[in-house]
C-alpha atoms as a PDB file:
ATOM      1  CA  UNK A   1     -15.609 134.945-184.222  1.00  0.00           C
ATOM      2  CA  UNK A   2     -14.034 135.386-180.825  1.00  0.00           C
ATOM      3  CA  UNK A   3     -17.389 135.433-179.010  1.00  0.00           C
ATOM      4  CA  UNK A   4     -17.749 134.157-175.474  1.00  0.00           C
ATOM      5  CA  UNK A   5     -20.373 131.525-174.810  1.00  0.00           C
ATOM      6  CA  UNK A   6     -22.573 133.786-172.665  1.00  0.00           C
ATOM      7  CA  UNK A   7     -22.532 136.629-175.204  1.00  0.00           C
ATOM      8  CA  UNK A   8     -23.612 134.862-178.388  1.00  0.00           C
ATOM      9  CA  UNK A   9     -25.769 136.912-180.788  1.00  0.00           C
ATOM     10  CA  UNK A  10     -28.586 134.332-180.779  1.00  0.00           C
ATOM     11  CA  UNK A  11     -31.273 134.866-178.122  1.00  0.00           C
ATOM     12  CA  UNK A  12     -33.805 132.135-177.357  1.00  0.00           C
ATOM     13  CA  UNK A  13     -36.787 133.412-175.433  1.00  0.00           C
ATOM     14  CA  UNK A  14     -39.872 131.800-173.843  1.00  0.00           C
ATOM     15  CA  UNK A  15     -38.138 128.460-173.379  1.00  0.00           C
ATOM     16  CA  UNK A  16     -37.665 127.278-169.819  1.00  0.00           C
ATOM     17  CA  UNK A  17     -35.487 124.287-169.116  1.00  0.00           C
ATOM     18  CA  UNK A  18     -35.759 122.245-165.906  1.00  0.00           C
ATOM     19  CA  UNK A  19     -33.420 119.639-164.539  1.00  0.00           C
ATOM     20  CA  UNK A  20     -33.671 117.138-161.709  1.00  0.00           C
ATOM     21  CA  UNK A  21     -30.958 116.125-159.354  1.00  0.00           C
ATOM     22  CA  UNK A  22     -29.756 112.525-159.313  1.00  0.00           C
ATOM     23  CA  UNK A  23     -31.569 111.742-156.058  1.00  0.00           C
ATOM     24  CA  UNK A  24     -34.886 113.065-157.418  1.00  0.00           C
ATOM     25  CA  UNK A  25     -34.614 110.816-160.455  1.00  0.00           C
ATOM     26  CA  UNK A  26     -34.245 107.703-158.313  1.00  0.00           C
ATOM     27  CA  UNK A  27     -37.777 107.007-157.116  1.00  0.00           C
ATOM     28  CA  UNK A  28     -36.939 104.198-154.699  1.00  0.00           C
ATOM     29  CA  UNK A  29     -33.688 105.753-153.513  1.00  0.00           C
ATOM     30  CA  UNK A  30     -33.178 104.462-149.927  1.00  0.00           C
ATOM     31  CA  UNK A  31     -36.819 103.354-149.806  1.00  0.00           C
ATOM     32  CA  UNK A  32     -36.272  99.981-148.169  1.00  0.00           C
ATOM     33  CA  UNK A  33     -33.214 100.960-146.158  1.00  0.00           C
ATOM     34  CA  UNK A  34     -34.440 104.299-144.790  1.00  0.00           C
ATOM     35  CA  UNK A  35     -38.136 105.020-145.391  1.00  0.00           C
ATOM     36  CA  UNK A  36     -39.725 101.711-144.354  1.00  0.00           C
ATOM     37  CA  UNK A  37     -37.800 101.412-141.056  1.00  0.00           C
ATOM     38  CA  UNK A  38     -38.490 105.087-140.316  1.00  0.00           C
ATOM     39  CA  UNK A  39     -42.212 104.606-140.964  1.00  0.00           C
ATOM     40  CA  UNK A  40     -42.410 101.535-138.750  1.00  0.00           C
ATOM     41  CA  UNK A  41     -40.500 103.271-135.945  1.00  0.00           C
ATOM     42  CA  UNK A  42     -42.848 106.269-136.061  1.00  0.00           C
ATOM     43  CA  UNK A  43     -45.921 104.029-136.084  1.00  0.00           C
ATOM     44  CA  UNK A  44     -44.725 102.162-132.987  1.00  0.00           C
ATOM     45  CA  UNK A  45     -43.873 105.412-131.204  1.00  0.00           C
ATOM     46  CA  UNK A  46     -47.322 106.808-131.968  1.00  0.00           C
ATOM     47  CA  UNK A  47     -49.077 103.595-130.880  1.00  0.00           C
ATOM     48  CA  UNK A  48     -47.381 103.255-127.478  1.00  0.00           C
ATOM     49  CA  UNK A  49     -49.530 105.900-125.694  1.00  0.00           C
ATOM     50  CA  UNK A  50     -52.715 104.798-127.485  1.00  0.00           C
ATOM     51  CA  UNK A  51     -52.606 101.028-126.814  1.00  0.00           C
ATOM     52  CA  UNK A  52     -53.321 101.070-123.028  1.00  0.00           C
ATOM     53  CA  UNK A  53     -56.345 103.338-123.362  1.00  0.00           C
ATOM     54  CA  UNK A  54     -57.661 101.323-126.310  1.00  0.00           C
ATOM     55  CA  UNK A  55     -57.353  98.064-124.358  1.00  0.00           C
ATOM     56  CA  UNK A  56     -59.121  99.638-121.379  1.00  0.00           C
ATOM     57  CA  UNK A  57     -61.946 100.848-123.629  1.00  0.00           C
ATOM     58  CA  UNK A  58     -62.356  97.393-125.191  1.00  0.00           C
ATOM     59  CA  UNK A  59     -62.465  95.782-121.746  1.00  0.00           C
ATOM     60  CA  UNK A  60     -65.040  98.308-120.513  1.00  0.00           C
ATOM     61  CA  UNK A  61     -67.251  97.869-123.579  1.00  0.00           C
ATOM     62  CA  UNK A  62     -67.339  94.122-122.954  1.00  0.00           C
ATOM     63  CA  UNK A  63     -67.647  94.271-119.162  1.00  0.00           C
ATOM     64  CA  UNK A  64     -70.369  96.952-118.802  1.00  0.00           C
ATOM     65  CA  UNK A  65     -73.153  95.160-120.729  1.00  0.00           C
ATOM     66  CA  UNK A  66     -72.485  91.935-118.791  1.00  0.00           C
ATOM     67  CA  UNK A  67     -72.727  93.748-115.477  1.00  0.00           C
ATOM     68  CA  UNK A  68     -75.845  95.580-116.606  1.00  0.00           C
ATOM     69  CA  UNK A  69     -77.558  92.293-117.504  1.00  0.00           C
ATOM     70  CA  UNK A  70     -76.526  90.829-114.139  1.00  0.00           C
ATOM     71  CA  UNK A  71     -77.957  93.764-112.230  1.00  0.00           C
ATOM     72  CA  UNK A  72     -81.285  93.626-114.080  1.00  0.00           C
ATOM     73  CA  UNK A  73     -81.934  89.918-113.368  1.00  0.00           C
ATOM     74  CA  UNK A  74     -84.499  89.012-110.780  1.00  0.00           C
ATOM     75  CA  UNK A  75     -83.337  87.214-107.673  1.00  0.00           C
ATOM     76  CA  UNK A  76     -85.077  83.763-107.559  1.00  0.00           C
ATOM     77  CA  UNK A  77     -84.870  83.676-103.745  1.00  0.00           C
ATOM     78  CA  UNK A  78     -87.366  86.505-103.513  1.00  0.00           C
ATOM     79  CA  UNK A  79     -90.034  84.466-105.311  1.00  0.00           C
ATOM     80  CA  UNK A  80     -89.625  81.007-103.715  1.00  0.00           C
ATOM     81  CA  UNK A  81     -92.731  81.217-101.488  1.00  0.00           C
ATOM     82  CA  UNK A  82     -95.127  82.550-104.147  1.00  0.00           C
ATOM     83  CA  UNK A  83     -98.089  80.354-104.950  1.00  0.00           C
END
């Protein structure tokens, strides 16, 4: 015999073998300890510049129609002496 493992006379062709590392096999590996806190931190960091402008827009969308209705009302003092 005396053959080395890499030089055996048997050749297997057209067979591809894949393997996964240990961390790829663990689906929830560090999910609750790393991924969830990281996601929440990124969401807060992204929301910080957006929140002031969103609050201003909400305030303007509520204030503008009220002011428009006020400006379109007739002044009752102008019509007191009408008969």
